[in-house]
N, C-alpha and C. Protein backbone atom coordinates (compact mmCIF):
# COMPACT_ATOMS: atom_id res chain seq x y z
N MET A 1 5.69 15.30 1.34
CA MET A 1 5.24 16.53 0.72
C MET A 1 6.10 17.67 1.25
N ARG A 2 6.53 18.55 0.36
CA ARG A 2 7.35 19.69 0.75
C ARG A 2 6.51 20.74 1.46
N LYS A 3 7.13 21.43 2.38
CA LYS A 3 6.49 22.57 3.05
C LYS A 3 7.29 23.80 2.68
N THR A 4 6.62 24.88 2.32
CA THR A 4 7.29 26.14 2.05
C THR A 4 6.57 27.24 2.82
N MET A 5 7.25 28.33 3.04
CA MET A 5 6.63 29.46 3.72
C MET A 5 6.38 30.57 2.71
N ASP A 6 5.18 31.10 2.71
CA ASP A 6 4.81 32.20 1.85
C ASP A 6 4.23 33.28 2.76
N GLY A 7 5.07 34.20 3.20
CA GLY A 7 4.61 35.19 4.18
C GLY A 7 4.32 34.47 5.48
N SER A 8 3.12 34.64 6.01
CA SER A 8 2.76 33.98 7.26
C SER A 8 1.97 32.71 7.03
N HIS A 9 1.74 32.33 5.78
CA HIS A 9 0.92 31.17 5.49
C HIS A 9 1.78 30.00 5.06
N LEU A 10 1.44 28.83 5.56
CA LEU A 10 2.07 27.61 5.10
C LEU A 10 1.38 27.19 3.83
N VAL A 11 2.12 26.99 2.77
CA VAL A 11 1.52 26.66 1.48
C VAL A 11 1.74 25.19 1.18
N LEU A 12 0.68 24.50 0.88
CA LEU A 12 0.78 23.11 0.45
C LEU A 12 0.89 23.10 -1.05
N PRO A 13 1.98 22.59 -1.60
CA PRO A 13 2.11 22.59 -3.05
C PRO A 13 1.07 21.70 -3.69
N LEU A 14 0.49 22.17 -4.78
CA LEU A 14 -0.47 21.35 -5.51
C LEU A 14 0.31 20.30 -6.28
N ARG A 15 -0.23 19.12 -6.32
CA ARG A 15 0.45 18.03 -6.98
C ARG A 15 0.32 18.18 -8.49
N SER A 16 1.41 17.94 -9.19
CA SER A 16 1.34 17.93 -10.65
C SER A 16 0.91 16.55 -11.09
N SER A 17 0.48 16.42 -12.31
CA SER A 17 0.04 15.12 -12.78
C SER A 17 1.18 14.12 -12.77
N GLY A 18 2.43 14.60 -12.85
CA GLY A 18 3.56 13.69 -12.80
C GLY A 18 3.80 13.12 -11.41
N GLY A 19 3.48 13.88 -10.35
CA GLY A 19 3.75 13.43 -9.01
C GLY A 19 2.56 12.81 -8.31
N MET A 20 1.39 12.89 -8.89
CA MET A 20 0.20 12.40 -8.24
C MET A 20 -0.22 11.08 -8.84
N ALA A 21 -0.60 10.16 -7.99
CA ALA A 21 -1.12 8.90 -8.49
C ALA A 21 -2.41 9.18 -9.26
N MET A 22 -2.49 8.74 -10.48
CA MET A 22 -3.65 9.08 -11.31
C MET A 22 -4.37 7.81 -11.77
N ARG A 23 -4.97 7.09 -10.85
CA ARG A 23 -5.85 6.00 -11.24
C ARG A 23 -7.14 6.64 -11.65
N SER A 24 -7.22 7.04 -12.87
CA SER A 24 -8.33 7.87 -13.30
C SER A 24 -9.09 7.22 -14.44
N HIS A 25 -10.15 7.86 -14.79
CA HIS A 25 -11.03 7.38 -15.84
C HIS A 25 -10.75 8.12 -17.14
N HIS A 26 -11.06 7.48 -18.25
CA HIS A 26 -10.97 8.15 -19.55
C HIS A 26 -12.26 8.92 -19.78
N SER A 27 -12.13 10.14 -20.24
CA SER A 27 -13.32 10.91 -20.59
C SER A 27 -13.77 10.49 -21.98
N ALA A 28 -14.88 11.02 -22.41
CA ALA A 28 -15.39 10.70 -23.75
C ALA A 28 -14.38 11.10 -24.83
N ALA A 29 -13.57 12.12 -24.56
CA ALA A 29 -12.58 12.57 -25.54
C ALA A 29 -11.28 11.76 -25.43
N GLY A 30 -11.22 10.77 -24.53
CA GLY A 30 -10.04 9.95 -24.38
C GLY A 30 -8.98 10.56 -23.48
N GLU A 31 -9.31 11.65 -22.80
CA GLU A 31 -8.34 12.30 -21.91
C GLU A 31 -8.39 11.65 -20.53
N TYR A 32 -7.29 11.75 -19.81
CA TYR A 32 -7.26 11.26 -18.44
C TYR A 32 -7.86 12.31 -17.52
N SER A 33 -8.54 11.85 -16.50
CA SER A 33 -9.09 12.77 -15.52
C SER A 33 -8.99 12.12 -14.15
N PRO A 34 -8.87 12.94 -13.09
CA PRO A 34 -8.79 12.35 -11.75
C PRO A 34 -10.12 11.72 -11.37
N VAL A 35 -10.10 10.86 -10.37
CA VAL A 35 -11.30 10.21 -9.87
C VAL A 35 -12.29 11.26 -9.38
N GLY A 36 -11.80 12.32 -8.76
CA GLY A 36 -12.63 13.41 -8.26
C GLY A 36 -11.73 14.50 -7.70
N ARG A 37 -12.30 15.69 -7.48
CA ARG A 37 -11.54 16.82 -6.95
C ARG A 37 -12.01 17.13 -5.53
N LEU A 38 -11.07 17.10 -4.59
CA LEU A 38 -11.38 17.33 -3.18
C LEU A 38 -10.61 18.54 -2.66
N LEU A 39 -11.22 19.22 -1.71
CA LEU A 39 -10.52 20.25 -0.95
C LEU A 39 -10.63 19.86 0.52
N VAL A 40 -9.49 19.69 1.16
CA VAL A 40 -9.42 19.34 2.57
C VAL A 40 -9.01 20.60 3.33
N ILE A 41 -9.84 20.98 4.32
CA ILE A 41 -9.57 22.19 5.10
C ILE A 41 -9.46 21.82 6.57
N ALA A 42 -8.30 22.10 7.14
CA ALA A 42 -8.07 21.85 8.57
C ALA A 42 -6.98 22.81 9.02
N GLU A 43 -6.92 23.07 10.31
CA GLU A 43 -5.91 24.01 10.80
C GLU A 43 -4.57 23.33 11.06
N GLU A 44 -4.53 22.02 11.11
CA GLU A 44 -3.29 21.30 11.37
C GLU A 44 -2.71 20.78 10.06
N PHE A 45 -1.46 21.15 9.79
CA PHE A 45 -0.80 20.72 8.57
C PHE A 45 -0.79 19.20 8.45
N GLU A 46 -0.52 18.51 9.55
CA GLU A 46 -0.42 17.06 9.52
C GLU A 46 -1.72 16.41 9.04
N VAL A 47 -2.86 16.96 9.45
CA VAL A 47 -4.15 16.43 9.03
C VAL A 47 -4.35 16.65 7.53
N VAL A 48 -4.11 17.87 7.09
CA VAL A 48 -4.27 18.19 5.67
C VAL A 48 -3.33 17.34 4.83
N ASP A 49 -2.10 17.23 5.25
CA ASP A 49 -1.10 16.46 4.52
C ASP A 49 -1.50 14.98 4.42
N ALA A 50 -1.89 14.38 5.53
CA ALA A 50 -2.25 12.96 5.54
C ALA A 50 -3.47 12.68 4.66
N VAL A 51 -4.50 13.52 4.77
CA VAL A 51 -5.73 13.27 4.02
C VAL A 51 -5.52 13.53 2.52
N THR A 52 -4.83 14.61 2.17
CA THR A 52 -4.60 14.87 0.74
C THR A 52 -3.71 13.79 0.14
N GLU A 53 -2.72 13.35 0.87
CA GLU A 53 -1.83 12.27 0.38
C GLU A 53 -2.63 10.98 0.17
N PHE A 54 -3.47 10.64 1.12
CA PHE A 54 -4.30 9.44 1.03
C PHE A 54 -5.15 9.45 -0.24
N PHE A 55 -5.84 10.56 -0.47
CA PHE A 55 -6.71 10.63 -1.64
C PHE A 55 -5.94 10.77 -2.95
N ALA A 56 -4.82 11.45 -2.94
CA ALA A 56 -3.99 11.55 -4.15
C ALA A 56 -3.50 10.17 -4.55
N ASP A 57 -3.14 9.35 -3.57
CA ASP A 57 -2.69 7.99 -3.87
C ASP A 57 -3.81 7.14 -4.47
N LEU A 58 -5.06 7.52 -4.22
CA LEU A 58 -6.20 6.81 -4.79
C LEU A 58 -6.62 7.37 -6.15
N GLY A 59 -5.92 8.40 -6.63
CA GLY A 59 -6.22 8.96 -7.93
C GLY A 59 -7.05 10.22 -7.92
N TYR A 60 -7.31 10.77 -6.75
CA TYR A 60 -8.07 12.01 -6.65
C TYR A 60 -7.15 13.20 -6.85
N GLU A 61 -7.70 14.30 -7.30
CA GLU A 61 -7.01 15.58 -7.28
C GLU A 61 -7.34 16.18 -5.92
N ALA A 62 -6.38 16.15 -5.01
CA ALA A 62 -6.63 16.53 -3.62
C ALA A 62 -5.84 17.78 -3.26
N HIS A 63 -6.55 18.81 -2.86
CA HIS A 63 -5.95 20.09 -2.47
C HIS A 63 -6.16 20.29 -0.98
N GLY A 64 -5.29 21.05 -0.34
CA GLY A 64 -5.41 21.31 1.08
C GLY A 64 -5.27 22.77 1.41
N ALA A 65 -5.94 23.18 2.48
CA ALA A 65 -5.87 24.57 2.95
C ALA A 65 -5.86 24.58 4.47
N LEU A 66 -5.17 25.58 5.01
CA LEU A 66 -5.01 25.68 6.46
C LEU A 66 -5.77 26.84 7.10
N ASP A 67 -6.36 27.73 6.29
CA ASP A 67 -7.10 28.85 6.86
C ASP A 67 -8.16 29.32 5.87
N VAL A 68 -8.98 30.25 6.30
CA VAL A 68 -10.12 30.71 5.49
C VAL A 68 -9.68 31.33 4.16
N PRO A 69 -8.78 32.32 4.14
CA PRO A 69 -8.41 32.92 2.86
C PRO A 69 -7.81 31.91 1.88
N GLU A 70 -6.96 31.03 2.40
CA GLU A 70 -6.35 30.02 1.54
C GLU A 70 -7.40 29.04 1.01
N ALA A 71 -8.34 28.64 1.86
CA ALA A 71 -9.40 27.72 1.44
C ALA A 71 -10.24 28.32 0.32
N LEU A 72 -10.60 29.57 0.46
CA LEU A 72 -11.42 30.22 -0.57
C LEU A 72 -10.65 30.38 -1.88
N ALA A 73 -9.38 30.74 -1.80
CA ALA A 73 -8.57 30.89 -3.01
C ALA A 73 -8.40 29.56 -3.72
N ILE A 74 -8.11 28.51 -2.98
CA ILE A 74 -7.94 27.19 -3.61
C ILE A 74 -9.26 26.69 -4.17
N ALA A 75 -10.35 26.92 -3.45
CA ALA A 75 -11.66 26.48 -3.95
C ALA A 75 -12.00 27.16 -5.28
N ARG A 76 -11.67 28.44 -5.39
CA ARG A 76 -11.94 29.15 -6.66
C ARG A 76 -11.08 28.59 -7.78
N ALA A 77 -9.82 28.29 -7.50
CA ALA A 77 -8.90 27.82 -8.53
C ALA A 77 -9.11 26.35 -8.89
N ALA A 78 -9.42 25.52 -7.90
CA ALA A 78 -9.47 24.08 -8.13
C ALA A 78 -10.88 23.54 -8.39
N THR A 79 -11.90 24.33 -8.13
CA THR A 79 -13.31 23.92 -8.26
C THR A 79 -13.55 22.49 -7.76
N PRO A 80 -13.43 22.30 -6.44
CA PRO A 80 -13.61 20.96 -5.88
C PRO A 80 -15.04 20.46 -6.07
N GLU A 81 -15.16 19.15 -6.10
CA GLU A 81 -16.47 18.50 -6.17
C GLU A 81 -16.98 18.13 -4.78
N LEU A 82 -16.08 18.17 -3.80
CA LEU A 82 -16.41 17.86 -2.42
C LEU A 82 -15.41 18.58 -1.52
N ILE A 83 -15.92 19.11 -0.41
CA ILE A 83 -15.06 19.76 0.57
C ILE A 83 -15.14 18.96 1.87
N LEU A 84 -13.98 18.60 2.40
CA LEU A 84 -13.89 17.93 3.70
C LEU A 84 -13.35 18.95 4.69
N LEU A 85 -14.14 19.25 5.71
CA LEU A 85 -13.84 20.35 6.62
C LEU A 85 -13.74 19.86 8.06
N ASP A 86 -12.63 20.14 8.71
CA ASP A 86 -12.43 19.83 10.12
C ASP A 86 -13.18 20.87 10.94
N VAL A 87 -14.02 20.43 11.86
CA VAL A 87 -14.84 21.38 12.62
C VAL A 87 -14.03 22.18 13.62
N GLN A 88 -12.77 21.87 13.82
CA GLN A 88 -11.94 22.65 14.74
C GLN A 88 -11.31 23.87 14.08
N MET A 89 -11.69 24.15 12.85
CA MET A 89 -11.17 25.32 12.15
C MET A 89 -11.61 26.60 12.85
N PRO A 90 -10.69 27.55 13.02
CA PRO A 90 -11.12 28.85 13.53
C PRO A 90 -12.01 29.55 12.50
N ARG A 91 -12.89 30.39 12.98
CA ARG A 91 -13.80 31.16 12.10
C ARG A 91 -14.65 30.22 11.25
N LEU A 92 -15.12 29.12 11.85
CA LEU A 92 -15.86 28.10 11.13
C LEU A 92 -17.14 28.62 10.49
N SER A 93 -17.94 29.39 11.23
CA SER A 93 -19.20 29.87 10.65
C SER A 93 -18.93 30.83 9.49
N GLU A 94 -17.88 31.65 9.59
CA GLU A 94 -17.52 32.55 8.49
C GLU A 94 -17.12 31.74 7.25
N LEU A 95 -16.36 30.68 7.47
CA LEU A 95 -15.93 29.83 6.36
C LEU A 95 -17.14 29.18 5.69
N PHE A 96 -18.05 28.62 6.48
CA PHE A 96 -19.27 28.02 5.92
C PHE A 96 -20.04 29.05 5.11
N THR A 97 -20.23 30.23 5.66
CA THR A 97 -21.00 31.27 4.98
C THR A 97 -20.37 31.62 3.63
N GLN A 98 -19.07 31.80 3.61
CA GLN A 98 -18.40 32.16 2.35
C GLN A 98 -18.39 31.00 1.36
N LEU A 99 -18.19 29.79 1.84
CA LEU A 99 -18.22 28.64 0.92
C LEU A 99 -19.61 28.47 0.32
N ARG A 100 -20.63 28.55 1.14
CA ARG A 100 -22.00 28.36 0.67
C ARG A 100 -22.44 29.49 -0.28
N ALA A 101 -21.94 30.69 -0.05
CA ALA A 101 -22.31 31.82 -0.92
C ALA A 101 -21.66 31.70 -2.29
N THR A 102 -20.57 30.97 -2.38
CA THR A 102 -19.79 30.91 -3.61
C THR A 102 -19.87 29.58 -4.33
N PHE A 103 -20.01 28.49 -3.60
CA PHE A 103 -19.92 27.15 -4.20
C PHE A 103 -21.12 26.30 -3.85
N ASP A 104 -21.54 25.49 -4.80
CA ASP A 104 -22.65 24.57 -4.59
C ASP A 104 -22.09 23.14 -4.64
N VAL A 105 -21.29 22.79 -3.64
CA VAL A 105 -20.72 21.45 -3.54
C VAL A 105 -20.97 20.92 -2.13
N PRO A 106 -21.05 19.60 -2.00
CA PRO A 106 -21.25 19.04 -0.66
C PRO A 106 -20.06 19.35 0.25
N ILE A 107 -20.38 19.65 1.51
CA ILE A 107 -19.36 19.86 2.53
C ILE A 107 -19.55 18.77 3.57
N MET A 108 -18.52 17.93 3.72
CA MET A 108 -18.55 16.89 4.74
C MET A 108 -17.69 17.37 5.90
N VAL A 109 -18.25 17.33 7.11
CA VAL A 109 -17.50 17.77 8.27
C VAL A 109 -16.93 16.57 9.02
N ALA A 110 -15.74 16.76 9.54
CA ALA A 110 -15.11 15.76 10.40
C ALA A 110 -15.24 16.27 11.82
N ALA A 111 -15.94 15.52 12.67
CA ALA A 111 -16.20 15.95 14.04
C ALA A 111 -16.08 14.76 14.99
N ALA A 112 -15.78 15.05 16.25
CA ALA A 112 -15.64 14.00 17.25
C ALA A 112 -16.98 13.40 17.67
N ASN A 113 -18.07 14.15 17.44
CA ASN A 113 -19.37 13.59 17.81
C ASN A 113 -20.46 14.08 16.86
N ALA A 114 -21.51 13.29 16.78
CA ALA A 114 -22.60 13.58 15.86
C ALA A 114 -23.36 14.85 16.24
N ALA A 115 -23.42 15.17 17.53
CA ALA A 115 -24.15 16.37 17.97
C ALA A 115 -23.50 17.63 17.40
N THR A 116 -22.19 17.68 17.40
CA THR A 116 -21.49 18.83 16.82
C THR A 116 -21.80 18.94 15.34
N ALA A 117 -21.73 17.83 14.63
CA ALA A 117 -22.03 17.82 13.20
C ALA A 117 -23.47 18.26 12.94
N GLN A 118 -24.40 17.81 13.77
CA GLN A 118 -25.81 18.17 13.60
C GLN A 118 -26.01 19.68 13.75
N GLN A 119 -25.27 20.31 14.64
CA GLN A 119 -25.36 21.75 14.85
C GLN A 119 -24.90 22.52 13.62
N LEU A 120 -24.07 21.90 12.79
CA LEU A 120 -23.53 22.57 11.61
C LEU A 120 -24.41 22.40 10.37
N ARG A 121 -25.43 21.59 10.43
CA ARG A 121 -26.31 21.39 9.27
C ARG A 121 -26.95 22.70 8.80
N PRO A 122 -27.44 23.56 9.71
CA PRO A 122 -28.02 24.82 9.24
C PRO A 122 -27.01 25.72 8.51
N LEU A 123 -25.72 25.55 8.82
CA LEU A 123 -24.69 26.34 8.14
C LEU A 123 -24.34 25.80 6.77
N GLY A 124 -24.73 24.54 6.50
CA GLY A 124 -24.45 23.97 5.19
C GLY A 124 -23.71 22.65 5.19
N ALA A 125 -23.52 22.04 6.36
CA ALA A 125 -22.87 20.72 6.39
C ALA A 125 -23.80 19.71 5.75
N PHE A 126 -23.28 18.98 4.78
CA PHE A 126 -24.07 18.01 4.02
C PHE A 126 -23.94 16.61 4.61
N ALA A 127 -22.75 16.28 5.11
CA ALA A 127 -22.49 14.96 5.65
C ALA A 127 -21.49 15.07 6.79
N TYR A 128 -21.33 13.96 7.50
CA TYR A 128 -20.48 13.94 8.69
C TYR A 128 -19.67 12.65 8.70
N ILE A 129 -18.42 12.75 9.15
CA ILE A 129 -17.60 11.57 9.40
C ILE A 129 -17.00 11.72 10.79
N HIS A 130 -17.02 10.62 11.54
CA HIS A 130 -16.51 10.64 12.92
C HIS A 130 -14.99 10.79 12.92
N LYS A 131 -14.52 11.61 13.86
CA LYS A 131 -13.09 11.85 14.01
C LYS A 131 -12.64 11.31 15.35
N PRO A 132 -11.55 10.58 15.46
CA PRO A 132 -10.66 10.24 14.35
C PRO A 132 -11.34 9.23 13.44
N PHE A 133 -11.12 9.40 12.13
CA PHE A 133 -11.85 8.56 11.20
C PHE A 133 -11.06 7.33 10.79
N ASP A 134 -11.82 6.36 10.38
CA ASP A 134 -11.29 5.16 9.80
C ASP A 134 -11.06 5.46 8.32
N TRP A 135 -9.86 5.19 7.81
CA TRP A 135 -9.51 5.56 6.44
C TRP A 135 -10.43 4.92 5.42
N GLU A 136 -10.77 3.66 5.62
CA GLU A 136 -11.65 2.98 4.65
C GLU A 136 -13.05 3.60 4.68
N ALA A 137 -13.54 3.93 5.86
CA ALA A 137 -14.86 4.57 5.96
C ALA A 137 -14.83 5.94 5.28
N LEU A 138 -13.74 6.67 5.45
CA LEU A 138 -13.61 7.98 4.80
C LEU A 138 -13.59 7.82 3.28
N ARG A 139 -12.83 6.85 2.79
CA ARG A 139 -12.76 6.62 1.34
C ARG A 139 -14.14 6.30 0.77
N ARG A 140 -14.86 5.40 1.45
CA ARG A 140 -16.21 5.02 0.98
C ARG A 140 -17.16 6.21 1.00
N ARG A 141 -17.12 6.99 2.07
CA ARG A 141 -18.03 8.12 2.22
C ARG A 141 -17.79 9.16 1.13
N VAL A 142 -16.51 9.45 0.85
CA VAL A 142 -16.17 10.42 -0.20
C VAL A 142 -16.66 9.90 -1.55
N ALA A 143 -16.43 8.63 -1.85
CA ALA A 143 -16.86 8.07 -3.13
C ALA A 143 -18.37 8.15 -3.28
N ILE A 144 -19.09 7.84 -2.23
CA ILE A 144 -20.56 7.90 -2.27
C ILE A 144 -21.04 9.33 -2.49
N LEU A 145 -20.45 10.28 -1.76
CA LEU A 145 -20.88 11.68 -1.89
C LEU A 145 -20.57 12.23 -3.27
N LEU A 146 -19.44 11.87 -3.83
CA LEU A 146 -19.10 12.35 -5.18
C LEU A 146 -20.07 11.80 -6.21
N CYS A 147 -20.41 10.53 -6.11
CA CYS A 147 -21.36 9.95 -7.06
C CYS A 147 -22.76 10.52 -6.88
N ALA A 148 -23.15 10.74 -5.62
CA ALA A 148 -24.49 11.28 -5.35
C ALA A 148 -24.63 12.72 -5.83
N SER A 149 -23.52 13.45 -5.87
CA SER A 149 -23.61 14.87 -6.25
C SER A 149 -23.59 15.09 -7.77
N LEU A 150 -23.33 14.03 -8.53
CA LEU A 150 -23.33 14.16 -9.98
C LEU A 150 -24.75 14.12 -10.50
N PRO A 151 -25.09 14.93 -11.52
CA PRO A 151 -26.45 14.94 -12.04
C PRO A 151 -26.90 13.56 -12.54
N SER A 152 -26.04 12.83 -13.21
CA SER A 152 -26.42 11.54 -13.75
C SER A 152 -26.19 10.40 -12.76
N GLY A 153 -25.46 10.68 -11.65
CA GLY A 153 -25.18 9.67 -10.67
C GLY A 153 -24.00 8.79 -11.03
N LYS A 154 -23.32 9.08 -12.14
CA LYS A 154 -22.16 8.27 -12.49
C LYS A 154 -21.11 9.13 -13.19
N ARG A 155 -19.89 8.64 -13.20
CA ARG A 155 -18.77 9.35 -13.82
C ARG A 155 -18.61 8.93 -15.27
N ASP A 156 -17.79 9.73 -16.01
CA ASP A 156 -17.47 9.40 -17.40
C ASP A 156 -16.86 8.02 -17.49
């Protein structure tokens, strides 16, 4: 994945449909759609890059952000169905407050221990995954949360 500098922020380029693996479903209108839309928020580029790449390869529309303003801007533009948030993000409570005030999507936190994740439930954490995570466990957890958050419980 290319890295570019935009002022003081590192910008992760959004994948185009040509560059992203699109193992997707057909909608009722016969159009292609991604498996799901994710927003990965972490302060380390390597974490965001690895997780977004992993899910893009599985057919998800995966976006990444490295700070609060970028996360909110991408969330508004991409309308994620699930947010994966690293608990080591600076200004974590501010980010939770702004995300919860604006979006009604599950937020899964990645934390080194369950006690930390439990402390974040009042702020809006919906689910937790242990860090460092097992990729297969992460894939399963994301799939379950996306299906559970749909009104009908299933995709097109």
